[in-house]
């Protein structure tokens, strides 16, 4: 016997999916509540699309809504921000877990910004209220400052990654926290260039990579602004440039040329100390030829 809608009583049995349109049938998995204070649910889907990393996205990226973020401890402390290691993993897909670097700019009660205002010359504030708060150095202004530097670094990471520059992949930004690729060598954090003692052949390769990176930047009209062997990672045979909140416009910033020359001086001084015959004025001249 059929019912009025054409299905048999057996097909209406709530304990079976027989006879149902497959498009209305889906699997689901239950997730336990989080009790560990060092854990949170993944924030990937809670941030705006423009606050997520550029496409194509790497295979290691975890985008599951059921993923859990677990703080693994401090990787590096700084004057304005600290970097933590953070694991993102779905409990039902543990083989896809990934460890990332989480850079968190400090709250106003613990913050002491030492970035010179010279870095922000030529930048536009998103609204006049924020600009007034910054100038008054109020509590709200200090909060704006943290967001300003975090957003500036995020924009620089996304822009330079899209250009093919050797920077960590930017995963997402959420307020004053930036998640990015953890750059490693054999499972450990890659050392800073200043900590390395490369052989002559690798040293020359490092310099060529760095010069090419600087050329790419000036062709786009920007300068790192604080480049040194302490914010360049040596990931095996390749270099990765980090710490980018102070990136400046070469033309719009009145001190753009000075920042570029300082970057050249810092890196050339280190390479000379390791035995490579390089000259900052020569590098600066080469970069200027690419800039205009």
Protein backbone atom coordinates (compact mmCIF):
# COMPACT_ATOMS: atom_id res chain seq x y z
CA UNK A 1 0.00 0.00 0.00
CA UNK A 2 1.25 3.44 -0.86
CA UNK A 3 0.73 6.62 1.11
CA UNK A 4 -0.69 9.79 -0.37
CA UNK A 5 2.73 11.12 -1.41
CA UNK A 6 3.63 7.90 -3.22
CA UNK A 7 6.08 6.38 -0.68
CA UNK A 8 5.52 3.13 1.18
CA UNK A 9 5.42 3.18 5.01
CA UNK A 10 8.83 1.43 5.08
CA UNK A 11 10.33 4.32 3.11
CA UNK A 12 9.13 6.76 5.79
CA UNK A 13 10.87 4.87 8.58
CA UNK A 14 12.95 7.54 10.41
CA UNK A 15 15.59 4.92 11.16
CA UNK A 16 16.52 4.38 7.50
CA UNK A 17 17.60 6.52 4.56
CA UNK A 18 16.11 4.17 1.96
CA UNK A 19 14.17 6.07 -0.67
CA UNK A 20 15.53 9.51 0.32
CA UNK A 21 17.05 11.86 -2.20
CA UNK A 22 20.84 11.43 -1.74
CA UNK A 23 21.29 15.19 -1.85
CA UNK A 24 19.51 15.40 1.51
CA UNK A 25 21.72 12.78 3.15
CA UNK A 26 25.07 13.72 4.70
CA UNK A 27 27.56 12.35 7.19
CA UNK A 28 28.54 14.26 10.27
CA UNK A 29 30.93 13.80 13.16
CA UNK A 30 30.47 15.01 16.72
CA UNK A 31 33.24 17.11 18.33
CA UNK A 32 33.91 17.30 22.05
CA UNK A 33 33.90 20.63 23.87
CA UNK A 34 37.31 22.20 24.47
CA UNK A 35 38.49 22.10 28.06
CA UNK A 36 42.17 22.95 27.51
CA UNK A 37 42.78 26.73 27.99
CA UNK A 38 45.56 26.50 25.41
CA UNK A 39 43.10 25.44 22.72
CA UNK A 40 40.45 27.17 20.64
CA UNK A 41 38.35 26.31 17.63
CA UNK A 42 39.96 27.23 14.33
CA UNK A 43 39.34 30.86 13.38
CA UNK A 44 39.80 30.21 9.64
CA UNK A 45 36.11 30.56 8.75
CA UNK A 46 35.38 33.31 11.27
CA UNK A 47 37.60 35.92 9.59
CA UNK A 48 36.68 37.89 6.48
CA UNK A 49 37.68 36.35 3.13
CA UNK A 50 40.21 39.16 2.54
CA UNK A 51 41.85 38.18 5.83
CA UNK A 52 42.70 34.70 4.52
CA UNK A 53 45.79 33.75 2.55
CA UNK A 54 46.03 34.18 -1.21
CA UNK A 55 45.25 31.47 -3.73
CA UNK A 56 46.50 29.02 -4.82
CA UNK A 57 46.73 27.85 -1.24
CA UNK A 58 49.34 25.29 -0.15
CA UNK A 59 48.35 21.68 0.39
CA UNK A 60 49.35 21.79 4.05
CA UNK A 61 46.73 24.41 4.91
CA UNK A 62 43.99 23.14 7.27
CA UNK A 63 40.62 24.76 6.58
CA UNK A 64 38.26 22.34 8.40
CA UNK A 65 35.61 24.06 10.51
CA UNK A 66 36.15 21.35 13.12
CA UNK A 67 39.89 22.01 13.42
CA UNK A 68 41.38 22.96 16.79
CA UNK A 69 44.16 25.49 17.34
CA UNK A 70 46.60 24.51 20.10
CA UNK A 71 49.27 26.85 21.44
CA UNK A 72 52.62 25.03 21.64
CA UNK A 73 54.65 27.79 23.28
CA UNK A 74 56.66 30.91 22.53
CA UNK A 75 59.02 30.85 19.56
CA UNK A 76 60.36 34.42 19.80
CA UNK A 77 59.72 37.54 21.87
CA UNK A 78 60.05 41.09 20.60
CA UNK A 79 59.43 44.68 21.63
CA UNK A 80 56.07 44.96 19.88
CA UNK A 81 54.99 41.39 19.20
CA UNK A 82 55.65 37.81 20.23
CA UNK A 83 55.72 34.79 17.92
CA UNK A 84 54.18 31.51 19.08
CA UNK A 85 53.99 28.05 17.56
CA UNK A 86 50.41 27.00 16.95
CA UNK A 87 49.13 23.62 15.76
CA UNK A 88 45.94 23.47 13.72
CA UNK A 89 44.41 20.01 13.38
CA UNK A 90 41.04 18.32 12.94
CA UNK A 91 40.68 15.55 15.56
CA UNK A 92 39.07 13.37 12.88
CA UNK A 93 41.92 13.98 10.40
CA UNK A 94 45.06 14.10 12.60
CA UNK A 95 47.31 13.20 9.67
CA UNK A 96 46.65 16.66 8.19
CA UNK A 97 47.82 18.64 11.23
CA UNK A 98 50.04 21.64 10.60
CA UNK A 99 52.21 23.79 12.87
CA UNK A 100 52.27 27.50 12.04
CA UNK A 101 53.87 30.65 13.40
CA UNK A 102 51.41 32.95 15.18
CA UNK A 103 52.67 36.53 15.44
CA UNK A 104 50.69 38.45 18.05
CA UNK A 105 51.07 42.17 18.54
CA UNK A 106 50.74 43.02 22.22
CA UNK A 107 47.80 44.65 23.97
CA UNK A 108 48.17 48.32 24.87
CA UNK A 109 48.88 47.61 28.55
CA UNK A 110 52.00 45.59 27.65
CA UNK A 111 53.09 47.35 24.51
CA UNK A 112 55.92 49.74 23.85
CA UNK A 113 56.10 50.63 20.18
CA UNK A 114 59.52 51.74 19.05
CA UNK A 115 58.81 51.91 15.32
CA UNK A 116 59.76 55.35 14.10
CA UNK A 117 56.95 57.46 12.66
CA UNK A 118 59.26 57.84 9.66
CA UNK A 119 58.05 54.40 8.55
CA UNK A 120 54.43 55.54 8.30
CA UNK A 121 55.10 58.61 6.15
CA UNK A 122 53.09 58.29 2.95
CA UNK A 123 50.67 55.73 4.39
CA UNK A 124 46.96 56.37 4.50
CA UNK A 125 44.94 55.73 7.63
CA UNK A 126 41.61 53.96 7.17
CA UNK A 127 39.75 56.79 8.93
CA UNK A 128 40.46 60.17 10.55
CA UNK A 129 39.32 58.99 13.99
CA UNK A 130 42.16 56.46 14.07
CA UNK A 131 44.64 59.10 12.91
CA UNK A 132 43.60 61.49 15.71
CA UNK A 133 43.84 58.71 18.30
CA UNK A 134 47.34 57.84 17.14
CA UNK A 135 48.49 61.43 17.35
CA UNK A 136 47.12 61.78 20.92
CA UNK A 137 48.74 58.46 21.97
CA UNK A 138 45.64 57.57 23.96
CA UNK A 139 44.81 54.02 25.07
CA UNK A 140 42.65 53.69 21.99
CA UNK A 141 45.46 55.13 19.91
CA UNK A 142 47.86 52.49 21.21
CA UNK A 143 45.30 49.85 20.30
CA UNK A 144 45.06 51.34 16.82
CA UNK A 145 48.85 51.23 16.55
CA UNK A 146 48.92 47.48 17.15
CA UNK A 147 46.27 46.93 14.51
CA UNK A 148 48.06 49.28 12.12
CA UNK A 149 51.34 47.39 12.30
CA UNK A 150 49.66 43.98 12.11
CA UNK A 151 47.62 45.03 9.07
CA UNK A 152 50.68 46.58 7.40
CA UNK A 153 52.62 43.34 7.84
CA UNK A 154 49.71 41.26 6.56
CA UNK A 155 49.38 43.39 3.44
CA UNK A 156 53.11 43.21 2.81
CA UNK A 157 53.17 39.41 3.21
CA UNK A 158 50.23 38.91 0.84
CA UNK A 159 51.58 41.32 -1.76
CA UNK A 160 55.11 39.96 -1.75
CA UNK A 161 53.97 36.32 -1.71
CA UNK A 162 51.85 36.96 -4.80
CA UNK A 163 54.92 38.45 -6.50
CA UNK A 164 56.92 35.33 -5.76
CA UNK A 165 59.16 36.93 -3.13
CA UNK A 166 60.73 34.58 -0.54
CA UNK A 167 58.43 35.32 2.40
CA UNK A 168 56.43 32.95 4.64
CA UNK A 169 53.01 32.04 3.27
CA UNK A 170 50.44 34.29 5.03
CA UNK A 171 47.64 32.07 6.37
CA UNK A 172 45.28 34.60 7.94
CA UNK A 173 44.98 37.72 10.05
CA UNK A 174 42.55 38.04 12.95
CA UNK A 175 42.77 41.37 14.75
CA UNK A 176 46.38 41.70 15.88
CA UNK A 177 47.29 38.05 15.26
CA UNK A 178 48.90 36.91 12.01
CA UNK A 179 49.18 33.20 11.24
CA UNK A 180 51.88 32.32 8.73
CA UNK A 181 54.02 29.48 7.50
CA UNK A 182 56.53 28.14 10.01
CA UNK A 183 59.85 28.10 8.16
CA UNK A 184 61.87 25.06 9.18
CA UNK A 185 64.96 22.99 8.48
CA UNK A 186 64.69 19.30 9.36
CA UNK A 187 61.66 19.98 11.54
CA UNK A 188 63.29 22.78 13.52
CA UNK A 189 62.92 26.55 13.16
CA UNK A 190 65.21 27.82 10.41
CA UNK A 191 68.15 29.81 11.84
CA UNK A 192 68.60 33.49 11.23
CA UNK A 193 71.17 34.34 8.59
CA UNK A 194 73.31 35.97 11.29
CA UNK A 195 73.67 32.58 13.02
CA UNK A 196 75.00 30.76 9.96
CA UNK A 197 78.51 30.14 8.66
CA UNK A 198 77.91 29.20 5.02
CA UNK A 199 80.72 27.97 2.77
CA UNK A 200 81.86 30.35 -0.01
CA UNK A 201 79.59 28.81 -2.64
CA UNK A 202 76.46 28.97 -0.48
CA UNK A 203 77.41 32.46 0.72
CA UNK A 204 77.52 33.71 -2.87
CA UNK A 205 74.17 32.02 -3.58
CA UNK A 206 72.64 33.70 -0.52
CA UNK A 207 73.82 37.10 -1.73
CA UNK A 208 72.41 36.53 -5.22
CA UNK A 209 69.06 35.53 -3.73
CA UNK A 210 68.95 38.57 -1.51
CA UNK A 211 69.93 40.93 -4.33
CA UNK A 212 67.19 39.45 -6.54
CA UNK A 213 64.68 39.93 -3.73
CA UNK A 214 65.66 43.57 -3.28
CA UNK A 215 65.38 44.10 -7.04
CA UNK A 216 61.87 42.65 -6.98
CA UNK A 217 60.88 44.94 -4.13
CA UNK A 218 62.18 48.15 -5.68
CA UNK A 219 60.55 47.26 -8.99
CA UNK A 220 57.29 47.31 -7.04
CA UNK A 221 58.26 50.60 -5.42
CA UNK A 222 58.75 49.28 -1.89
CA UNK A 223 61.61 48.88 0.58
CA UNK A 224 61.86 46.44 3.49
CA UNK A 225 63.05 49.28 5.71
CA UNK A 226 64.64 47.19 8.46
CA UNK A 227 66.53 44.49 6.59
CA UNK A 228 69.40 42.80 8.38
CA UNK A 229 70.82 39.28 8.83
CA UNK A 230 68.59 39.03 11.92
CA UNK A 231 65.30 39.08 9.99
CA UNK A 232 66.36 36.77 7.18
CA UNK A 233 65.99 33.02 7.73
CA UNK A 234 68.38 30.50 6.19
CA UNK A 235 66.12 27.59 5.25
CA UNK A 236 68.75 25.23 3.90
CA UNK A 237 69.91 26.60 0.57
CA UNK A 238 67.22 29.29 0.34
CA UNK A 239 66.63 32.53 2.19
CA UNK A 240 63.28 33.69 3.58
CA UNK A 241 62.68 37.33 4.53
CA UNK A 242 60.59 37.97 7.66
CA UNK A 243 59.46 40.90 9.87
CA UNK A 244 57.69 43.13 7.36
CA UNK A 245 55.45 45.59 9.25
CA UNK A 246 57.64 48.57 8.44
CA UNK A 247 57.74 48.13 4.63
CA UNK A 248 57.79 51.62 3.14
CA UNK A 249 56.96 53.17 -0.21
CA UNK A 250 60.17 54.08 -2.00
CA UNK A 251 58.71 57.26 -3.51
CA UNK A 252 55.82 58.33 -1.26
CA UNK A 253 57.96 58.07 1.88
CA UNK A 254 60.43 60.99 2.09
CA UNK A 255 63.00 58.69 3.71
CA UNK A 256 62.47 55.85 1.23
CA UNK A 257 65.93 56.19 -0.35
CA UNK A 258 67.59 56.40 3.05
CA UNK A 259 65.87 53.20 4.18
CA UNK A 260 66.98 51.45 1.00
CA UNK A 261 70.60 52.51 1.47
CA UNK A 262 70.49 51.37 5.10
CA UNK A 263 69.17 47.96 4.04
CA UNK A 264 72.02 47.68 1.53
CA UNK A 265 74.57 48.71 4.16
CA UNK A 266 73.28 46.21 6.74
CA UNK A 267 73.32 43.19 4.46
CA UNK A 268 76.54 44.03 2.63
CA UNK A 269 78.34 44.55 5.93
CA UNK A 270 77.38 41.04 7.02
CA UNK A 271 78.39 39.41 3.74
CA UNK A 272 81.75 41.21 3.84
CA UNK A 273 82.31 39.94 7.38
CA UNK A 274 81.90 36.41 6.00
CA UNK A 275 84.45 36.99 3.24
CA UNK A 276 82.35 38.02 0.23
CA UNK A 277 83.56 41.12 -1.61
CA UNK A 278 80.41 43.25 -1.95
CA UNK A 279 79.80 46.99 -1.77
CA UNK A 280 76.64 48.69 -0.50
CA UNK A 281 77.01 51.68 -2.82
CA UNK A 282 77.29 49.39 -5.82
CA UNK A 283 74.23 47.42 -4.71
CA UNK A 284 72.30 50.64 -4.04
CA UNK A 285 73.14 51.93 -7.52
CA UNK A 286 72.00 48.67 -9.11
CA UNK A 287 68.73 48.80 -7.23
CA UNK A 288 68.10 52.42 -8.17
CA UNK A 289 68.55 51.46 -11.84
CA UNK A 290 65.73 48.94 -11.43
CA UNK A 291 63.53 51.36 -9.52
CA UNK A 292 63.10 53.95 -12.25
